[in-house]
């Protein structure tokens, strides 16, 4: 899974990337500013065939655009809003954390970075992200199945002889009657009871 590391400090970027690589997360991308990170994400989101990152680790204190402003921009973009974002910060007082969560961060990691904390946070969030992706896929599959069932239920038999149509209650109606009350049904061939009785009568008489 792909992790985007955003930090203006080369030392912190290298440290974070090194810990992740050693912990089984080799797919990392590093950016030295929030501006560069947002430009990269925006560019990637224009190509549906190119998967966006699965997690963003964003430093708060950066020049030009700080992590909080970048987080708000990412969460305001419908194409990027679902990507979990973790703030990396030395400021862990209540107000700083409140601002981070209000901006849209899902969690935070303290500076200086501790390997055990970083790996635990990343593992937990990526596991949740995988489960959420699978749940959304199941929901899409279920919705498609329900649409198929609905379409099958909307298939109405039509008599091949007199062209009467059988409605949901089993009553055979003329085409004009049926169309007035059932506009969501597909028409299929069948033989209505009147034609069956007529056919049986003719053959019995013969």
N, C-alpha and C. Protein backbone atom coordinates (compact mmCIF):
# COMPACT_ATOMS: atom_id res chain seq x y z
N UNK A 1 0.84 -1.19 0.00
CA UNK A 1 0.00 0.00 0.00
C UNK A 1 0.88 1.25 0.00
N UNK A 2 0.44 2.27 -0.68
CA UNK A 2 1.26 3.46 -0.90
C UNK A 2 1.06 4.51 0.20
N UNK A 3 2.18 5.03 0.71
CA UNK A 3 2.14 6.03 1.78
C UNK A 3 2.87 7.29 1.32
N UNK A 4 2.19 8.44 1.44
CA UNK A 4 2.78 9.73 1.07
C UNK A 4 3.29 10.41 2.33
N UNK A 5 4.59 10.73 2.35
CA UNK A 5 5.22 11.41 3.48
C UNK A 5 5.48 12.86 3.08
N UNK A 6 4.94 13.79 3.85
CA UNK A 6 5.08 15.22 3.53
C UNK A 6 5.76 15.92 4.70
N UNK A 7 6.98 16.40 4.48
CA UNK A 7 7.73 17.07 5.55
C UNK A 7 8.82 17.90 4.91
N UNK A 8 8.99 19.13 5.38
CA UNK A 8 10.03 19.99 4.81
C UNK A 8 11.42 19.63 5.32
N UNK A 9 11.49 18.77 6.32
CA UNK A 9 12.79 18.35 6.87
C UNK A 9 13.26 17.07 6.19
N UNK A 10 14.40 17.14 5.53
CA UNK A 10 14.96 15.96 4.86
C UNK A 10 15.27 14.86 5.86
N UNK A 11 15.77 15.26 7.04
CA UNK A 11 16.09 14.28 8.07
C UNK A 11 14.84 13.52 8.50
N UNK A 12 13.76 14.25 8.76
CA UNK A 12 12.52 13.59 9.21
C UNK A 12 11.90 12.74 8.10
N UNK A 13 11.97 13.21 6.86
CA UNK A 13 11.45 12.41 5.75
C UNK A 13 12.22 11.10 5.62
N UNK A 14 13.53 11.20 5.69
CA UNK A 14 14.38 10.01 5.56
C UNK A 14 14.16 9.05 6.71
N UNK A 15 14.03 9.60 7.93
CA UNK A 15 13.80 8.76 9.11
C UNK A 15 12.48 8.01 8.98
N UNK A 16 11.42 8.74 8.64
CA UNK A 16 10.10 8.13 8.51
C UNK A 16 10.10 7.06 7.42
N UNK A 17 10.68 7.39 6.29
CA UNK A 17 10.72 6.44 5.17
C UNK A 17 11.52 5.19 5.54
N UNK A 18 12.64 5.38 6.23
CA UNK A 18 13.47 4.25 6.63
C UNK A 18 12.74 3.31 7.57
N UNK A 19 12.03 3.87 8.55
CA UNK A 19 11.26 3.04 9.50
C UNK A 19 10.19 2.24 8.76
N UNK A 20 9.49 2.90 7.85
CA UNK A 20 8.42 2.22 7.11
C UNK A 20 8.97 1.11 6.23
N UNK A 21 10.08 1.36 5.56
CA UNK A 21 10.67 0.33 4.70
C UNK A 21 11.08 -0.89 5.51
N UNK A 22 11.69 -0.66 6.66
CA UNK A 22 12.11 -1.78 7.52
C UNK A 22 10.93 -2.53 8.11
N UNK A 23 9.78 -1.88 8.16
CA UNK A 23 8.60 -2.49 8.78
C UNK A 23 7.64 -3.11 7.77
N UNK A 24 8.08 -3.21 6.52
CA UNK A 24 7.26 -3.88 5.52
C UNK A 24 6.38 -2.98 4.69
N UNK A 25 6.71 -1.68 4.66
CA UNK A 25 5.96 -0.73 3.84
C UNK A 25 6.92 -0.05 2.86
N UNK A 26 7.29 -0.74 1.79
CA UNK A 26 8.30 -0.20 0.86
C UNK A 26 7.77 0.84 -0.12
N UNK A 27 6.46 0.88 -0.30
CA UNK A 27 5.88 1.79 -1.30
C UNK A 27 5.61 3.16 -0.67
N UNK A 28 6.61 4.02 -0.71
CA UNK A 28 6.48 5.35 -0.12
C UNK A 28 6.81 6.43 -1.15
N UNK A 29 6.19 7.58 -0.97
CA UNK A 29 6.45 8.76 -1.80
C UNK A 29 6.75 9.90 -0.85
N UNK A 30 7.77 10.67 -1.11
CA UNK A 30 8.11 11.79 -0.22
C UNK A 30 7.99 13.12 -0.95
N UNK A 31 7.47 14.11 -0.22
CA UNK A 31 7.34 15.47 -0.73
C UNK A 31 7.86 16.43 0.33
N UNK A 32 8.51 17.52 -0.12
CA UNK A 32 9.11 18.45 0.84
C UNK A 32 8.23 19.64 1.18
N UNK A 33 7.00 19.67 0.64
CA UNK A 33 6.09 20.77 0.96
C UNK A 33 4.65 20.33 0.76
N UNK A 34 3.74 21.01 1.45
CA UNK A 34 2.32 20.71 1.30
C UNK A 34 1.85 21.07 -0.10
N UNK A 35 2.41 22.14 -0.65
CA UNK A 35 2.04 22.57 -2.00
C UNK A 35 2.38 21.48 -3.02
N UNK A 36 3.58 20.92 -2.92
CA UNK A 36 4.00 19.86 -3.84
C UNK A 36 3.15 18.61 -3.66
N UNK A 37 2.81 18.31 -2.41
CA UNK A 37 2.00 17.13 -2.13
C UNK A 37 0.60 17.25 -2.73
N UNK A 38 -0.01 18.42 -2.56
CA UNK A 38 -1.36 18.61 -3.08
C UNK A 38 -1.35 18.57 -4.61
N UNK A 39 -0.33 19.17 -5.22
CA UNK A 39 -0.22 19.16 -6.68
C UNK A 39 -0.09 17.72 -7.19
N UNK A 40 0.69 16.92 -6.47
CA UNK A 40 0.87 15.51 -6.85
C UNK A 40 -0.45 14.74 -6.74
N UNK A 41 -1.14 14.92 -5.62
CA UNK A 41 -2.41 14.22 -5.40
C UNK A 41 -3.46 14.63 -6.43
N UNK A 42 -3.50 15.91 -6.73
CA UNK A 42 -4.47 16.42 -7.70
C UNK A 42 -4.19 15.84 -9.09
N UNK A 43 -2.92 15.76 -9.44
CA UNK A 43 -2.54 15.21 -10.74
C UNK A 43 -2.91 13.73 -10.82
N UNK A 44 -2.63 12.99 -9.76
CA UNK A 44 -2.93 11.56 -9.74
C UNK A 44 -4.43 11.30 -9.81
N UNK A 45 -5.21 12.15 -9.17
CA UNK A 45 -6.66 11.94 -9.12
C UNK A 45 -7.32 12.14 -10.47
N UNK A 46 -6.63 12.77 -11.41
CA UNK A 46 -7.19 13.00 -12.74
C UNK A 46 -7.14 11.73 -13.60
N UNK A 47 -6.39 10.76 -13.14
CA UNK A 47 -6.25 9.52 -13.90
C UNK A 47 -6.80 8.37 -13.06
N UNK A 48 -8.06 7.97 -13.29
CA UNK A 48 -8.70 6.92 -12.49
C UNK A 48 -7.93 5.60 -12.50
N UNK A 49 -7.19 5.34 -13.61
CA UNK A 49 -6.46 4.08 -13.69
C UNK A 49 -5.23 4.09 -12.79
N UNK A 50 -4.79 5.27 -12.36
CA UNK A 50 -3.64 5.38 -11.46
C UNK A 50 -4.14 5.50 -10.02
N UNK A 51 -3.88 4.50 -9.18
CA UNK A 51 -4.37 4.56 -7.81
C UNK A 51 -3.74 5.69 -7.01
N UNK A 52 -4.54 6.38 -6.22
CA UNK A 52 -4.00 7.41 -5.35
C UNK A 52 -3.35 6.74 -4.14
N UNK A 53 -2.72 7.52 -3.30
CA UNK A 53 -2.05 6.95 -2.13
C UNK A 53 -3.09 6.43 -1.13
N UNK A 54 -2.65 5.51 -0.27
CA UNK A 54 -3.55 4.91 0.71
C UNK A 54 -3.49 5.62 2.06
N UNK A 55 -2.43 6.39 2.29
CA UNK A 55 -2.26 7.09 3.57
C UNK A 55 -1.34 8.28 3.38
N UNK A 56 -1.64 9.37 4.08
CA UNK A 56 -0.79 10.57 4.04
C UNK A 56 -0.28 10.86 5.45
N UNK A 57 1.04 11.02 5.57
CA UNK A 57 1.66 11.45 6.83
C UNK A 57 2.12 12.89 6.60
N UNK A 58 1.48 13.83 7.26
CA UNK A 58 1.67 15.26 6.97
C UNK A 58 2.23 16.01 8.18
N UNK A 59 3.40 16.62 8.00
CA UNK A 59 3.95 17.51 9.04
C UNK A 59 3.08 18.76 9.12
N UNK A 60 2.90 19.29 10.31
CA UNK A 60 2.07 20.49 10.47
C UNK A 60 2.86 21.75 10.16
N UNK A 61 4.04 21.87 10.75
CA UNK A 61 4.82 23.10 10.61
C UNK A 61 5.66 23.07 9.34
N UNK A 62 5.15 23.73 8.29
CA UNK A 62 5.87 23.82 7.02
C UNK A 62 5.71 25.22 6.45
N UNK A 63 6.68 25.69 5.67
CA UNK A 63 6.58 27.03 5.07
C UNK A 63 5.52 27.10 3.99
N UNK A 64 5.13 28.32 3.63
CA UNK A 64 4.11 28.60 2.61
C UNK A 64 2.74 28.08 3.03
N UNK A 65 2.52 26.79 2.89
CA UNK A 65 1.24 26.19 3.29
C UNK A 65 1.51 25.20 4.40
N UNK A 66 0.90 25.41 5.58
CA UNK A 66 1.16 24.47 6.67
C UNK A 66 0.28 23.23 6.52
N UNK A 67 0.55 22.24 7.35
CA UNK A 67 -0.16 20.97 7.25
C UNK A 67 -1.65 21.07 7.47
N UNK A 68 -2.08 21.98 8.34
CA UNK A 68 -3.51 22.14 8.62
C UNK A 68 -4.25 22.64 7.38
N UNK A 69 -3.68 23.65 6.73
CA UNK A 69 -4.31 24.21 5.52
C UNK A 69 -4.35 23.16 4.41
N UNK A 70 -3.26 22.41 4.28
CA UNK A 70 -3.21 21.37 3.26
C UNK A 70 -4.23 20.28 3.53
N UNK A 71 -4.38 19.93 4.79
CA UNK A 71 -5.35 18.91 5.18
C UNK A 71 -6.77 19.36 4.82
N UNK A 72 -7.07 20.60 5.12
CA UNK A 72 -8.41 21.13 4.79
C UNK A 72 -8.67 21.09 3.28
N UNK A 73 -7.65 21.44 2.49
CA UNK A 73 -7.79 21.42 1.04
C UNK A 73 -8.02 20.01 0.51
N UNK A 74 -7.29 19.07 1.06
CA UNK A 74 -7.43 17.67 0.64
C UNK A 74 -8.81 17.14 0.98
N UNK A 75 -9.28 17.42 2.19
CA UNK A 75 -10.58 16.93 2.62
C UNK A 75 -11.74 17.63 1.90
N UNK A 76 -11.48 18.81 1.35
CA UNK A 76 -12.52 19.53 0.62
C UNK A 76 -12.63 19.05 -0.83
N UNK A 77 -11.65 18.26 -1.27
CA UNK A 77 -11.65 17.74 -2.64
C UNK A 77 -12.31 16.36 -2.64
N UNK A 78 -13.46 16.20 -3.29
CA UNK A 78 -14.17 14.91 -3.28
C UNK A 78 -13.32 13.75 -3.80
N UNK A 79 -12.38 14.05 -4.68
CA UNK A 79 -11.53 12.99 -5.23
C UNK A 79 -10.50 12.49 -4.23
N UNK A 80 -10.19 13.31 -3.22
CA UNK A 80 -9.13 12.98 -2.26
C UNK A 80 -9.63 12.80 -0.84
N UNK A 81 -10.87 13.16 -0.59
CA UNK A 81 -11.38 13.25 0.78
C UNK A 81 -11.32 11.94 1.55
N UNK A 82 -11.36 10.80 0.86
CA UNK A 82 -11.38 9.51 1.56
C UNK A 82 -9.99 9.02 1.96
N UNK A 83 -8.94 9.70 1.53
CA UNK A 83 -7.59 9.27 1.90
C UNK A 83 -7.34 9.63 3.36
N UNK A 84 -7.03 8.65 4.22
CA UNK A 84 -6.75 8.98 5.63
C UNK A 84 -5.48 9.80 5.76
N UNK A 85 -5.53 10.81 6.61
CA UNK A 85 -4.39 11.71 6.79
C UNK A 85 -4.02 11.78 8.27
N UNK A 86 -2.74 11.57 8.55
CA UNK A 86 -2.22 11.61 9.91
C UNK A 86 -1.27 12.80 10.04
N UNK A 87 -1.50 13.62 11.04
CA UNK A 87 -0.62 14.76 11.29
C UNK A 87 0.61 14.32 12.09
N UNK A 88 1.76 14.82 11.68
CA UNK A 88 3.01 14.57 12.40
C UNK A 88 3.43 15.89 13.02
N UNK A 89 3.52 15.93 14.35
CA UNK A 89 3.72 17.22 15.01
C UNK A 89 4.45 17.11 16.34
N UNK A 90 5.18 18.17 16.65
CA UNK A 90 5.82 18.26 17.97
C UNK A 90 4.88 18.92 18.96
N UNK A 91 3.83 19.56 18.45
CA UNK A 91 2.86 20.24 19.31
C UNK A 91 1.69 19.30 19.61
N UNK A 92 1.70 18.73 20.79
CA UNK A 92 0.65 17.78 21.16
C UNK A 92 -0.24 18.32 22.28
N UNK A 93 -0.27 19.65 22.42
CA UNK A 93 -1.18 20.23 23.40
C UNK A 93 -2.61 20.10 22.88
N UNK A 94 -3.56 20.28 23.77
CA UNK A 94 -4.97 20.03 23.43
C UNK A 94 -5.45 20.89 22.26
N UNK A 95 -5.09 22.16 22.23
CA UNK A 95 -5.56 23.05 21.17
C UNK A 95 -4.98 22.66 19.81
N UNK A 96 -3.71 22.30 19.77
CA UNK A 96 -3.08 21.89 18.51
C UNK A 96 -3.74 20.64 17.95
N UNK A 97 -4.01 19.69 18.84
CA UNK A 97 -4.66 18.45 18.40
C UNK A 97 -6.10 18.71 17.96
N UNK A 98 -6.77 19.61 18.67
CA UNK A 98 -8.15 19.95 18.29
C UNK A 98 -8.18 20.51 16.87
N UNK A 99 -7.22 21.40 16.57
CA UNK A 99 -7.15 21.99 15.23
C UNK A 99 -6.84 20.93 14.17
N UNK A 100 -5.98 19.99 14.52
CA UNK A 100 -5.63 18.92 13.57
C UNK A 100 -6.84 18.06 13.23
N UNK A 101 -7.59 17.67 14.25
CA UNK A 101 -8.77 16.84 14.02
C UNK A 101 -9.86 17.63 13.31
N UNK A 102 -9.99 18.91 13.65
CA UNK A 102 -10.99 19.75 13.00
C UNK A 102 -10.68 19.93 11.51
N UNK A 103 -9.40 19.90 11.17
CA UNK A 103 -8.99 20.05 9.77
C UNK A 103 -9.27 18.79 8.96
N UNK A 104 -9.47 17.67 9.65
CA UNK A 104 -9.78 16.43 8.95
C UNK A 104 -8.81 15.29 9.19
N UNK A 105 -7.81 15.50 10.06
CA UNK A 105 -6.86 14.43 10.35
C UNK A 105 -7.55 13.29 11.09
N UNK A 106 -7.13 12.06 10.79
CA UNK A 106 -7.72 10.89 11.44
C UNK A 106 -6.95 10.52 12.71
N UNK A 107 -5.68 10.97 12.79
CA UNK A 107 -4.84 10.65 13.95
C UNK A 107 -3.62 11.56 13.93
N UNK A 108 -2.72 11.37 14.90
CA UNK A 108 -1.49 12.17 14.92
C UNK A 108 -0.33 11.30 15.40
N UNK A 109 0.88 11.71 15.03
CA UNK A 109 2.11 11.05 15.47
C UNK A 109 3.02 12.13 16.03
N UNK A 110 3.61 11.84 17.17
CA UNK A 110 4.44 12.85 17.84
C UNK A 110 5.85 12.91 17.24
N UNK A 111 6.40 14.10 17.28
CA UNK A 111 7.82 14.32 16.99
C UNK A 111 8.54 14.59 18.30
N UNK A 112 9.77 14.09 18.46
CA UNK A 112 10.50 13.22 17.54
C UNK A 112 9.81 11.86 17.35
N UNK A 113 9.90 11.34 16.15
CA UNK A 113 9.18 10.12 15.78
C UNK A 113 9.76 8.90 16.47
N UNK A 114 8.86 8.11 17.06
CA UNK A 114 9.22 6.82 17.66
C UNK A 114 8.77 5.72 16.71
N UNK A 115 9.67 4.81 16.38
CA UNK A 115 9.36 3.77 15.40
C UNK A 115 8.14 2.95 15.80
N UNK A 116 8.05 2.57 17.06
CA UNK A 116 6.95 1.72 17.50
C UNK A 116 5.60 2.43 17.34
N UNK A 117 5.57 3.74 17.64
CA UNK A 117 4.33 4.50 17.49
C UNK A 117 3.96 4.66 16.02
N UNK A 118 4.94 5.00 15.19
CA UNK A 118 4.69 5.19 13.76
C UNK A 118 4.14 3.92 13.13
N UNK A 119 4.79 2.80 13.37
CA UNK A 119 4.37 1.54 12.75
C UNK A 119 2.99 1.12 13.25
N UNK A 120 2.74 1.31 14.54
CA UNK A 120 1.43 0.93 15.10
C UNK A 120 0.31 1.76 14.47
N UNK A 121 0.54 3.06 14.34
CA UNK A 121 -0.47 3.94 13.74
C UNK A 121 -0.72 3.54 12.28
N UNK A 122 0.34 3.36 11.54
CA UNK A 122 0.22 3.03 10.12
C UNK A 122 -0.50 1.69 9.94
N UNK A 123 -0.11 0.70 10.72
CA UNK A 123 -0.74 -0.62 10.61
C UNK A 123 -2.24 -0.54 10.89
N UNK A 124 -2.60 0.14 11.96
CA UNK A 124 -4.02 0.25 12.34
C UNK A 124 -4.83 0.96 11.27
N UNK A 125 -4.33 2.07 10.78
CA UNK A 125 -5.09 2.86 9.81
C UNK A 125 -5.20 2.14 8.47
N UNK A 126 -4.12 1.52 8.00
CA UNK A 126 -4.19 0.81 6.73
C UNK A 126 -5.09 -0.42 6.81
N UNK A 127 -5.11 -1.06 7.98
CA UNK A 127 -6.03 -2.19 8.17
C UNK A 127 -7.47 -1.71 8.09
N UNK A 128 -7.77 -0.61 8.76
CA UNK A 128 -9.11 -0.03 8.70
C UNK A 128 -9.47 0.38 7.27
N UNK A 129 -8.50 0.95 6.56
CA UNK A 129 -8.73 1.39 5.18
C UNK A 129 -9.05 0.20 4.28
N UNK A 130 -8.33 -0.90 4.47
CA UNK A 130 -8.58 -2.11 3.67
C UNK A 130 -9.97 -2.65 3.94
N UNK A 131 -10.35 -2.70 5.22
CA UNK A 131 -11.68 -3.20 5.58
C UNK A 131 -12.78 -2.30 5.01
N UNK A 132 -12.55 -0.98 5.03
CA UNK A 132 -13.53 -0.05 4.49
C UNK A 132 -13.68 -0.21 2.98
N UNK A 133 -12.55 -0.40 2.29
CA UNK A 133 -12.58 -0.61 0.85
C UNK A 133 -13.34 -1.88 0.50
N UNK A 134 -13.10 -2.95 1.25
CA UNK A 134 -13.80 -4.21 1.02
C UNK A 134 -15.29 -4.06 1.29
N UNK A 135 -15.64 -3.31 2.33
CA UNK A 135 -17.06 -3.10 2.64
C UNK A 135 -17.75 -2.32 1.53
N UNK A 136 -17.08 -1.28 1.01
CA UNK A 136 -17.67 -0.51 -0.09
C UNK A 136 -17.84 -1.37 -1.33
N UNK A 137 -16.87 -2.27 -1.57
CA UNK A 137 -16.99 -3.16 -2.72
C UNK A 137 -18.17 -4.11 -2.55
N UNK A 138 -18.35 -4.63 -1.33
CA UNK A 138 -19.50 -5.51 -1.07
C UNK A 138 -20.81 -4.75 -1.24
N UNK A 139 -20.83 -3.49 -0.79
CA UNK A 139 -22.05 -2.68 -0.93
C UNK A 139 -22.38 -2.44 -2.40
N UNK A 140 -21.33 -2.19 -3.21
CA UNK A 140 -21.56 -2.00 -4.64
C UNK A 140 -22.07 -3.28 -5.29
N UNK A 141 -21.48 -4.42 -4.90
CA UNK A 141 -21.92 -5.70 -5.45
C UNK A 141 -23.37 -5.98 -5.06
N UNK A 142 -23.71 -5.67 -3.80
CA UNK A 142 -25.08 -5.89 -3.33
C UNK A 142 -26.06 -5.00 -4.09
N UNK A 143 -25.67 -3.74 -4.30
CA UNK A 143 -26.55 -2.82 -5.03
C UNK A 143 -26.77 -3.30 -6.46
N UNK A 144 -25.70 -3.82 -7.09
CA UNK A 144 -25.83 -4.34 -8.45
C UNK A 144 -26.74 -5.56 -8.48
N UNK A 145 -26.59 -6.43 -7.46
CA UNK A 145 -27.44 -7.63 -7.38
C UNK A 145 -28.90 -7.25 -7.18
N UNK A 146 -29.14 -6.24 -6.34
CA UNK A 146 -30.52 -5.80 -6.11
C UNK A 146 -31.13 -5.22 -7.38
N UNK A 147 -30.33 -4.50 -8.16
CA UNK A 147 -30.82 -3.96 -9.42
C UNK A 147 -31.18 -5.09 -10.39
N UNK A 148 -30.35 -6.14 -10.38
CA UNK A 148 -30.61 -7.29 -11.26
C UNK A 148 -31.89 -8.00 -10.84
N UNK A 149 -32.07 -8.17 -9.52
CA UNK A 149 -33.29 -8.80 -9.02
C UNK A 149 -34.51 -7.96 -9.39
N UNK A 150 -34.36 -6.65 -9.23
CA UNK A 150 -35.47 -5.75 -9.56
C UNK A 150 -35.83 -5.86 -11.04
N UNK A 151 -34.79 -5.97 -11.89
CA UNK A 151 -35.03 -6.09 -13.32
C UNK A 151 -35.73 -7.40 -13.65
N UNK A 152 -35.30 -8.48 -12.95
CA UNK A 152 -35.93 -9.79 -13.18
C UNK A 152 -37.38 -9.78 -12.73
N UNK A 153 -37.63 -9.11 -11.60
CA UNK A 153 -39.00 -9.01 -11.11
C UNK A 153 -39.88 -8.20 -12.06
N UNK A 154 -39.24 -7.32 -12.82
CA UNK A 154 -39.99 -6.48 -13.74
C UNK A 154 -40.24 -7.13 -15.09
N UNK A 155 -40.03 -8.45 -15.21
CA UNK A 155 -40.27 -9.15 -16.47
C UNK A 155 -41.68 -9.73 -16.45
N UNK A 156 -42.54 -9.26 -17.35
CA UNK A 156 -43.94 -9.71 -17.38
C UNK A 156 -44.18 -10.57 -18.62
N UNK A 157 -44.82 -11.74 -18.47
CA UNK A 157 -45.12 -12.59 -19.62
C UNK A 157 -46.24 -12.02 -20.48
N UNK A 158 -46.11 -12.19 -21.80
CA UNK A 158 -47.15 -11.76 -22.74
C UNK A 158 -47.61 -12.98 -23.53
N UNK A 159 -48.88 -13.09 -23.70
CA UNK A 159 -49.45 -14.23 -24.42
C UNK A 159 -49.03 -14.17 -25.89
N UNK A 160 -48.47 -15.28 -26.38
CA UNK A 160 -48.00 -15.31 -27.76
C UNK A 160 -49.14 -15.30 -28.77
N UNK A 161 -50.35 -15.59 -28.28
CA UNK A 161 -51.49 -15.67 -29.19
C UNK A 161 -52.28 -14.37 -29.24
N UNK A 162 -52.88 -13.98 -28.09
CA UNK A 162 -53.75 -12.80 -28.09
C UNK A 162 -53.06 -11.53 -27.62
N UNK A 163 -51.80 -11.67 -27.14
CA UNK A 163 -50.99 -10.53 -26.70
C UNK A 163 -51.46 -9.91 -25.39
N UNK A 164 -52.28 -10.65 -24.60
CA UNK A 164 -52.57 -10.16 -23.25
C UNK A 164 -51.30 -10.30 -22.41
N UNK A 165 -51.20 -9.45 -21.38
CA UNK A 165 -50.02 -9.44 -20.51
C UNK A 165 -50.43 -9.79 -19.09
N UNK A 166 -49.60 -10.63 -18.43
CA UNK A 166 -49.91 -11.04 -17.05
C UNK A 166 -49.22 -10.11 -16.07
N UNK A 167 -50.02 -9.46 -15.21
CA UNK A 167 -49.49 -8.55 -14.22
C UNK A 167 -48.98 -9.26 -12.97
N UNK A 168 -48.46 -8.51 -11.98
CA UNK A 168 -47.91 -9.10 -10.76
C UNK A 168 -48.91 -9.95 -9.99
N UNK A 169 -50.20 -9.61 -10.05
CA UNK A 169 -51.21 -10.38 -9.33
C UNK A 169 -51.70 -11.61 -10.07
N UNK A 170 -51.18 -11.84 -11.27
CA UNK A 170 -51.57 -13.00 -12.05
C UNK A 170 -52.68 -12.72 -13.05
N UNK A 171 -53.25 -11.55 -13.00
CA UNK A 171 -54.35 -11.20 -13.91
C UNK A 171 -53.81 -10.89 -15.30
N UNK A 172 -54.49 -11.44 -16.32
CA UNK A 172 -54.11 -11.17 -17.70
C UNK A 172 -54.86 -9.94 -18.19
N UNK A 173 -54.12 -8.98 -18.72
CA UNK A 173 -54.70 -7.72 -19.15
C UNK A 173 -54.33 -7.44 -20.60
N UNK A 174 -55.13 -6.60 -21.23
CA UNK A 174 -54.76 -6.16 -22.58
C UNK A 174 -53.53 -5.26 -22.48
N UNK A 175 -52.85 -5.09 -23.58
CA UNK A 175 -51.65 -4.25 -23.59
C UNK A 175 -51.96 -2.84 -23.12
N UNK A 176 -53.08 -2.29 -23.56
CA UNK A 176 -53.45 -0.93 -23.16
C UNK A 176 -53.67 -0.83 -21.66
N UNK A 177 -54.36 -1.83 -21.09
CA UNK A 177 -54.62 -1.83 -19.64
C UNK A 177 -53.31 -1.95 -18.86
N UNK A 178 -52.45 -2.82 -19.33
CA UNK A 178 -51.20 -3.08 -18.61
C UNK A 178 -50.29 -1.86 -18.59
N UNK A 179 -50.13 -1.22 -19.73
CA UNK A 179 -49.24 -0.06 -19.84
C UNK A 179 -49.69 1.08 -18.94
N UNK A 180 -50.99 1.22 -18.74
CA UNK A 180 -51.51 2.29 -17.90
C UNK A 180 -51.07 2.14 -16.44
N UNK A 181 -50.93 0.91 -15.99
CA UNK A 181 -50.65 0.68 -14.56
C UNK A 181 -49.26 0.12 -14.26
N UNK A 182 -48.55 -0.40 -15.26
CA UNK A 182 -47.25 -1.03 -15.02
C UNK A 182 -46.24 -0.56 -16.07
N UNK A 183 -45.64 0.60 -15.81
CA UNK A 183 -44.69 1.15 -16.79
C UNK A 183 -43.27 0.63 -16.58
N UNK A 184 -43.02 -0.13 -15.49
CA UNK A 184 -41.66 -0.56 -15.17
C UNK A 184 -41.40 -2.03 -15.50
N UNK A 185 -42.27 -2.66 -16.27
CA UNK A 185 -42.11 -4.08 -16.57
C UNK A 185 -41.60 -4.31 -17.99
N UNK A 186 -40.76 -5.35 -18.13
CA UNK A 186 -40.32 -5.80 -19.43
C UNK A 186 -41.28 -6.88 -19.92
N UNK A 187 -41.47 -6.98 -21.22
CA UNK A 187 -42.44 -7.91 -21.79
C UNK A 187 -41.74 -9.19 -22.25
N UNK A 188 -42.34 -10.37 -21.98
CA UNK A 188 -41.79 -11.65 -22.38
C UNK A 188 -42.91 -12.53 -22.92
N UNK A 189 -42.58 -13.52 -23.76
CA UNK A 189 -43.60 -14.38 -24.36
C UNK A 189 -44.15 -15.40 -23.37
N UNK A 190 -45.45 -15.68 -23.46
CA UNK A 190 -46.11 -16.71 -22.66
C UNK A 190 -47.43 -17.04 -23.36
N UNK A 191 -48.31 -17.78 -22.68
CA UNK A 191 -49.63 -18.11 -23.23
C UNK A 191 -50.64 -17.90 -22.11
N UNK A 192 -51.61 -17.01 -22.33
CA UNK A 192 -52.55 -16.69 -21.26
C UNK A 192 -53.62 -17.78 -21.12
N UNK A 193 -54.35 -17.73 -19.99
CA UNK A 193 -55.33 -18.78 -19.69
C UNK A 193 -56.48 -18.80 -20.70
N UNK A 194 -56.82 -17.64 -21.23
CA UNK A 194 -57.92 -17.57 -22.19
C UNK A 194 -57.56 -18.31 -23.48
N UNK A 195 -56.35 -18.12 -23.93
CA UNK A 195 -55.92 -18.79 -25.15
C UNK A 195 -55.72 -20.28 -24.93
N UNK A 196 -55.24 -20.64 -23.72
CA UNK A 196 -55.10 -22.06 -23.39
C UNK A 196 -56.47 -22.73 -23.43
N UNK A 197 -57.47 -22.09 -22.78
CA UNK A 197 -58.82 -22.65 -22.75
C UNK A 197 -59.41 -22.73 -24.16
N UNK A 198 -59.16 -21.67 -24.94
CA UNK A 198 -59.67 -21.65 -26.31
C UNK A 198 -59.02 -22.75 -27.14
N UNK A 199 -57.72 -22.92 -26.96
CA UNK A 199 -56.98 -23.95 -27.69
C UNK A 199 -57.47 -25.33 -27.29
N UNK A 200 -57.66 -25.56 -25.97
CA UNK A 200 -58.14 -26.85 -25.49
C UNK A 200 -59.55 -27.14 -26.02
N UNK A 201 -60.39 -26.09 -26.03
CA UNK A 201 -61.77 -26.25 -26.52
C UNK A 201 -61.78 -26.66 -27.99
N UNK A 202 -60.94 -25.98 -28.78
CA UNK A 202 -60.89 -26.28 -30.21
C UNK A 202 -60.42 -27.70 -30.46
N UNK A 203 -59.40 -28.14 -29.69
CA UNK A 203 -58.85 -29.46 -29.91
C UNK A 203 -59.76 -30.55 -29.36
N UNK A 204 -60.49 -30.23 -28.27
CA UNK A 204 -61.44 -31.20 -27.72
C UNK A 204 -62.61 -31.39 -28.68
N UNK A 205 -63.06 -30.28 -29.23
CA UNK A 205 -64.18 -30.33 -30.18
C UNK A 205 -63.79 -31.10 -31.43
N UNK A 206 -62.52 -30.96 -31.81
CA UNK A 206 -62.05 -31.65 -33.00
C UNK A 206 -61.98 -33.16 -32.76
